[in-house]
Each structure stands twice: as C-alpha cells, then as structure tokens.
Amino acid sequence: MEIHHQHHHDHPQHKEKLWVHYALEFFMLFLAVSAGFFTENLREKISDNQREREYIVSFVEDLKEDTARINYNIKWREDNEQRMDSLTSLLSSPDYSEHTAQIYYYARWTLRNHYFVNSDRTIQQLKNAGGMRIISDKKAADAIMYYDAQVKTVNPQMYDIERSQGDRFEDWAMKILDGNILDRMYGDSLIKMPEGNPPLLTNDRQVLNGIVTELHFVKSVNKRSIYFEKKLKAQAVSTIEFFQKEYHLQ
C-alpha cells in the first residue's frame, strides 16, 4: 500500500519564515563583523592620535632645546665678535708691540669655533619609521618639514664657509704667534692671557695688515652666522607656539 507523506516545508508560509530567519542571521553576522571592523578602526585611530601627540610633544621639546642651544651659541659668537674687534684695534694701533699679551689672547680665541647642532631625535624618528604619515594635520606636517629645511640653511653649509675662512686666518696668524707661547696659554680647555709682554714672530706691518684683512672676513662670516641663527631661533619659537595652540599643549 503506497503511503504519501505531506511535505510541510513546501508550504509558502514556512518558506517565508526560513527566509526571514536566514536574513536575520545574515544581518546579525553583518552587524558583528561591521562592529568589529569599526571597533578596530577606532582603536587604530585612537592609537595613531596618541602617537601623533607623543611625536608632537617630543618635537616641541626638541625645539625648546634648540632655542636654548641657539641662545648659548649667539652669546658665544657676540662675545667673540667683541674679542675680534679688540684684536683688530690692537693690530692696527701704532703701539701694538706694547699689547702683545692681549694680541696673543684675542687671536687664540679667534681660532676657536662654536657651532650650533640641532636636536633631531624626533625628526629622525618621523623620517625613518614612517611617522610622518601619522601626522594627520597637514599644517603640522608642513611646519615640521619647514623647520627641518631652515636648520639646513644654518648647519652645515654656513659652517663650512666659516671653517674655510677660519683656516685662512689661522695660516696668517701662525706668521706672528709663537707656538711655545700658545702652548703655555692653553690648559684644561681654557685660554688664559700670557704673562708679561711676549714678542711676536714678526713686526712686519704688511703681515699685520694681512691678518687684519683676514680677520675682517672672519668677523663678516661670524655676523652672518649670528643672523641665520637668530632667524632659526625665531622660527623655532613660532613653531613651538603653533604646536601649543594646534594641539592644546601646556
């Protein structure tokens, strides 16, 4: 005897319920995946924002250190400029031979150099570790790169010129300065005035005038370095103020 079984799942209402069930499951799965995706994106964004702020705070600290170094460097240069002015005056004086101790002292100071070296720990991290992509604010990224470019106008190109000019002055200075006297003047990285009135190696006025001429160029380059260092300091200060306002820093 043939028995016929009724297929309930063929009923239209049952099919509709199954479709709704599958659609609901799909929707719930979609919500779960989307929530996870957005949560992860939010977590990464928060992390990037924190890293961006840390980089900015670190860069501002570098800028503050730079301004302190520039201040020290400018003071050193201005003091040395006064010593060079004194040396020019003494070498040009008719009675220069009565002031040879001061000539030795000021000439030895002129042979010293002092250069500004910026604190670049943060900018190197940003460049080498791909950190610049984290700086979301274009104005902030531009400010960082602009300051880095300004540093390069001071260091090292400007100092290369200064070193070259200083070498020429040294060649002339060695024509009148006794090495034994210089050796007694130097100790523990300090330069002291020689005792008495030590003689120069020559009293040839043409040689002395040659030194004064070379000294003029040394002073000119020193003045130019002061100008660019002051300009860089102003840029550092304005950049600090920009970041403090843009990122609400103390």
Protein backbone atom coordinates (compact mmCIF):
# COMPACT_ATOMS: atom_id res chain seq x y z
CA MET A 1 0.00 0.00 0.00
CA GLU A 2 1.53 3.37 -1.06
CA ILE A 3 1.77 5.87 1.72
CA HIS A 4 2.04 9.62 0.90
CA HIS A 5 3.89 11.84 3.38
CA GLN A 6 2.93 15.51 3.48
CA HIS A 7 5.93 17.85 2.91
CA HIS A 8 5.30 20.69 5.32
CA HIS A 9 8.37 22.67 4.21
CA ASP A 10 6.79 23.22 0.85
CA HIS A 11 4.18 25.39 2.47
CA PRO A 12 4.69 29.08 1.41
CA GLN A 13 4.44 30.38 4.98
CA HIS A 14 7.20 28.01 6.07
CA LYS A 15 9.46 29.19 3.26
CA GLU A 16 8.86 32.77 4.24
CA LYS A 17 9.80 32.03 7.85
CA LEU A 18 13.02 30.33 6.73
CA TRP A 19 13.94 33.33 4.54
CA VAL A 20 13.32 35.75 7.40
CA HIS A 21 15.42 33.55 9.70
CA TYR A 22 18.33 33.42 7.27
CA ALA A 23 18.09 37.13 6.60
CA LEU A 24 18.12 37.86 10.32
CA GLU A 25 21.15 35.63 10.83
CA PHE A 26 22.95 37.31 7.96
CA PHE A 27 22.07 40.73 9.32
CA MET A 28 23.33 39.83 12.80
CA LEU A 29 26.56 38.44 11.33
CA PHE A 30 26.94 41.59 9.25
CA LEU A 31 26.45 43.74 12.34
CA ALA A 32 29.00 41.71 14.29
CA VAL A 33 31.62 41.93 11.53
CA SER A 34 30.95 45.63 10.96
CA ALA A 35 31.11 46.38 14.68
CA GLY A 36 34.42 44.55 14.90
CA PHE A 37 35.74 46.41 11.87
CA PHE A 38 34.69 49.81 13.17
CA THR A 39 35.98 49.00 16.65
CA GLU A 40 39.36 48.03 15.26
CA ASN A 41 39.47 51.15 13.09
CA LEU A 42 38.54 53.27 16.08
CA ARG A 43 41.21 51.59 18.19
CA GLU A 44 43.83 52.22 15.48
CA LYS A 45 42.72 55.83 15.10
CA ILE A 46 42.93 56.43 18.84
CA SER A 47 46.35 54.76 18.90
CA ASP A 48 47.54 56.88 15.94
CA ASN A 49 46.21 60.04 17.58
CA GLN A 50 48.08 59.20 20.77
CA ARG A 51 51.29 58.50 18.82
CA GLU A 52 50.84 61.73 16.84
CA ARG A 53 50.52 63.73 20.04
CA GLU A 54 53.56 61.97 21.53
CA TYR A 55 55.60 62.87 18.43
CA ILE A 56 54.44 66.48 18.58
CA VAL A 57 55.23 66.77 22.29
CA SER A 58 58.67 65.27 21.65
CA PHE A 59 59.28 67.63 18.71
CA VAL A 60 58.32 70.65 20.80
CA GLU A 61 60.83 69.52 23.45
CA ASP A 62 63.47 69.34 20.70
CA LEU A 63 62.57 72.87 19.61
CA LYS A 64 62.92 74.16 23.17
CA GLU A 65 66.32 72.52 23.42
CA ASP A 66 67.28 74.08 20.10
CA THR A 67 66.34 77.58 21.27
CA ALA A 68 68.48 77.13 24.39
CA ARG A 69 71.43 75.96 22.29
CA ILE A 70 70.98 78.80 19.81
CA ASN A 71 70.85 81.34 22.63
CA TYR A 72 74.12 79.99 24.02
CA ASN A 73 75.70 79.96 20.58
CA ILE A 74 74.66 83.52 19.75
CA LYS A 75 76.02 84.76 23.11
CA TRP A 76 79.32 82.98 22.44
CA ARG A 77 79.54 84.50 18.97
CA GLU A 78 78.73 88.02 20.16
CA ASP A 79 81.38 87.75 22.88
CA ASN A 80 83.90 86.51 20.33
CA GLU A 81 82.97 89.35 18.00
CA GLN A 82 83.99 91.80 20.72
CA ARG A 83 87.31 89.97 21.12
CA MET A 84 87.90 90.14 17.35
CA ASP A 85 87.11 93.88 17.36
CA SER A 86 89.68 94.32 20.13
CA LEU A 87 92.26 92.31 18.15
CA THR A 88 91.66 94.43 15.04
CA SER A 89 92.10 97.59 17.08
CA LEU A 90 95.32 96.36 18.72
CA LEU A 91 96.94 95.14 15.48
CA SER A 92 96.10 98.45 13.80
CA SER A 93 97.47 100.51 16.68
CA PRO A 94 100.90 102.22 16.35
CA ASP A 95 101.85 100.91 19.81
CA TYR A 96 100.67 97.31 19.18
CA SER A 97 104.01 95.97 20.44
CA GLU A 98 103.08 97.12 23.95
CA HIS A 99 99.94 94.95 23.94
CA THR A 100 101.20 91.63 22.60
CA ALA A 101 99.75 89.65 25.53
CA GLN A 102 96.27 90.79 24.53
CA ILE A 103 97.05 90.10 20.84
CA TYR A 104 98.02 86.52 21.67
CA TYR A 105 94.93 86.12 23.84
CA TYR A 106 92.38 87.51 21.36
CA ALA A 107 93.98 85.80 18.37
CA ARG A 108 93.87 82.45 20.14
CA TRP A 109 90.18 82.93 20.91
CA THR A 110 89.50 83.82 17.28
CA LEU A 111 90.91 80.42 16.28
CA ARG A 112 88.17 78.75 18.27
CA ASN A 113 84.87 77.80 16.66
CA HIS A 114 81.48 77.10 18.16
CA TYR A 115 78.67 75.61 16.08
CA PHE A 116 75.01 75.03 16.71
CA VAL A 117 73.89 71.39 16.45
CA ASN A 118 70.13 70.88 16.49
CA SER A 119 68.31 68.21 18.47
CA ASP A 120 66.96 65.96 15.71
CA ARG A 121 65.85 62.82 17.59
CA THR A 122 62.15 63.29 16.78
CA ILE A 123 62.55 64.38 13.17
CA GLN A 124 64.77 61.35 12.52
CA GLN A 125 62.17 59.04 14.06
CA LEU A 126 59.45 60.61 11.93
CA LYS A 127 61.51 60.17 8.78
CA ASN A 128 62.99 56.72 9.39
CA ALA A 129 59.98 55.00 11.00
CA GLY A 130 57.39 56.40 8.63
CA GLY A 131 55.99 58.51 11.42
CA MET A 132 55.14 61.42 9.14
CA ARG A 133 52.07 59.52 7.90
CA ILE A 134 50.71 59.67 11.46
CA ILE A 135 50.78 63.48 11.45
CA SER A 136 47.22 63.96 10.23
CA ASP A 137 47.28 67.76 10.35
CA LYS A 138 48.84 68.96 7.09
CA LYS A 139 49.78 72.31 8.61
CA ALA A 140 51.60 70.47 11.39
CA ALA A 141 53.45 68.23 8.94
CA ASP A 142 54.40 71.27 6.85
CA ALA A 143 55.65 73.10 9.96
CA ILE A 144 57.91 70.18 10.88
CA MET A 145 59.40 69.87 7.40
CA TYR A 146 59.82 73.64 7.04
CA TYR A 147 61.76 73.90 10.29
CA ASP A 148 63.95 70.98 9.24
CA ALA A 149 64.69 72.83 5.99
CA GLN A 150 65.54 76.01 7.93
CA VAL A 151 68.06 74.09 10.05
CA LYS A 152 69.87 73.09 6.88
CA THR A 153 70.40 76.76 5.97
CA VAL A 154 72.48 77.12 9.13
CA ASN A 155 74.07 73.72 9.50
CA PRO A 156 76.27 72.60 7.84
CA GLN A 157 76.55 74.85 4.74
CA MET A 158 77.07 78.07 6.68
CA TYR A 159 79.62 76.49 8.98
CA ASP A 160 81.60 75.04 6.07
CA ILE A 161 82.21 78.60 4.85
CA GLU A 162 83.14 79.66 8.37
CA ARG A 163 85.63 76.82 8.81
CA SER A 164 87.24 77.62 5.48
CA GLN A 165 87.62 81.29 6.40
CA GLY A 166 88.96 80.37 9.83
CA ASP A 167 91.63 78.18 8.23
CA ARG A 168 92.85 81.13 6.15
CA PHE A 169 93.01 83.32 9.23
CA GLU A 170 94.95 80.62 11.08
CA ASP A 171 97.55 80.49 8.29
CA TRP A 172 98.14 84.22 8.68
CA ALA A 173 98.07 84.15 12.49
CA MET A 174 100.80 81.49 12.60
CA LYS A 175 103.13 84.04 10.95
CA ILE A 176 103.16 86.17 14.10
CA LEU A 177 102.23 83.85 17.01
CA ASP A 178 104.91 81.84 18.78
CA GLY A 179 103.78 78.24 19.30
CA ASN A 180 105.58 77.99 22.65
CA ILE A 181 103.64 80.97 23.95
CA LEU A 182 100.36 79.49 22.69
CA ASP A 183 101.14 76.19 24.39
CA ARG A 184 101.59 77.91 27.77
CA MET A 185 98.30 79.74 27.33
CA TYR A 186 96.19 76.61 26.96
CA GLY A 187 95.16 74.27 29.76
CA ASP A 188 92.05 72.32 30.76
CA SER A 189 90.25 73.61 27.63
CA LEU A 190 90.69 77.19 28.90
CA ILE A 191 92.64 80.01 27.27
CA LYS A 192 94.48 82.34 29.59
CA MET A 193 96.33 85.58 28.99
CA PRO A 194 100.10 85.05 28.66
CA GLU A 195 102.32 86.64 31.25
CA GLY A 196 104.38 89.68 30.51
CA ASN A 197 104.61 91.08 27.01
CA PRO A 198 105.74 88.15 24.81
CA PRO A 199 107.25 89.10 21.43
CA LEU A 200 105.56 88.38 18.11
CA LEU A 201 107.40 86.35 15.49
CA THR A 202 107.47 89.35 13.16
CA ASN A 203 106.77 93.06 13.26
CA ASP A 204 106.30 93.32 9.52
CA ARG A 205 103.46 95.78 9.06
CA GLN A 206 102.39 94.13 5.81
CA VAL A 207 101.92 90.81 7.63
CA LEU A 208 99.99 92.50 10.42
CA ASN A 209 97.75 94.24 7.90
CA GLY A 210 97.19 90.91 6.16
CA ILE A 211 95.97 89.44 9.44
CA VAL A 212 93.62 92.38 9.97
CA THR A 213 92.19 91.81 6.47
CA GLU A 214 91.62 88.11 7.10
CA LEU A 215 90.11 88.98 10.48
CA HIS A 216 87.62 91.21 8.70
CA PHE A 217 86.32 88.24 6.70
CA VAL A 218 86.16 86.05 9.80
CA LYS A 219 84.05 88.69 11.53
CA SER A 220 81.82 89.03 8.46
CA VAL A 221 81.09 85.30 8.38
CA ASN A 222 80.50 85.32 12.14
CA LYS A 223 77.96 88.14 11.76
CA ARG A 224 76.22 86.19 9.01
CA SER A 225 76.06 83.11 11.22
CA ILE A 226 74.52 85.19 14.02
CA TYR A 227 71.91 86.48 11.56
CA PHE A 228 70.89 83.00 10.42
CA GLU A 229 70.94 81.60 13.96
CA LYS A 230 68.64 84.38 15.16
CA LYS A 231 66.36 83.70 12.21
CA LEU A 232 66.30 80.00 13.07
CA LYS A 233 65.56 80.81 16.71
CA ALA A 234 62.57 82.96 15.67
CA GLN A 235 61.31 80.09 13.53
CA ALA A 236 61.71 77.63 16.42
CA VAL A 237 59.78 79.92 18.78
CA SER A 238 56.93 80.47 16.31
CA THR A 239 56.76 76.72 15.61
CA ILE A 240 56.51 75.99 19.33
CA GLU A 241 53.67 78.50 19.65
CA PHE A 242 51.89 76.96 16.66
CA PHE A 243 52.00 73.43 18.10
CA GLN A 244 51.00 74.59 21.56
CA LYS A 245 47.89 76.20 20.08
CA GLU A 246 47.13 73.48 17.50
CA TYR A 247 47.48 70.56 19.95
CA HIS A 248 46.44 72.41 23.13
CA LEU A 249 49.80 71.85 24.83
CA GLN A 250 50.83 73.47 28.08
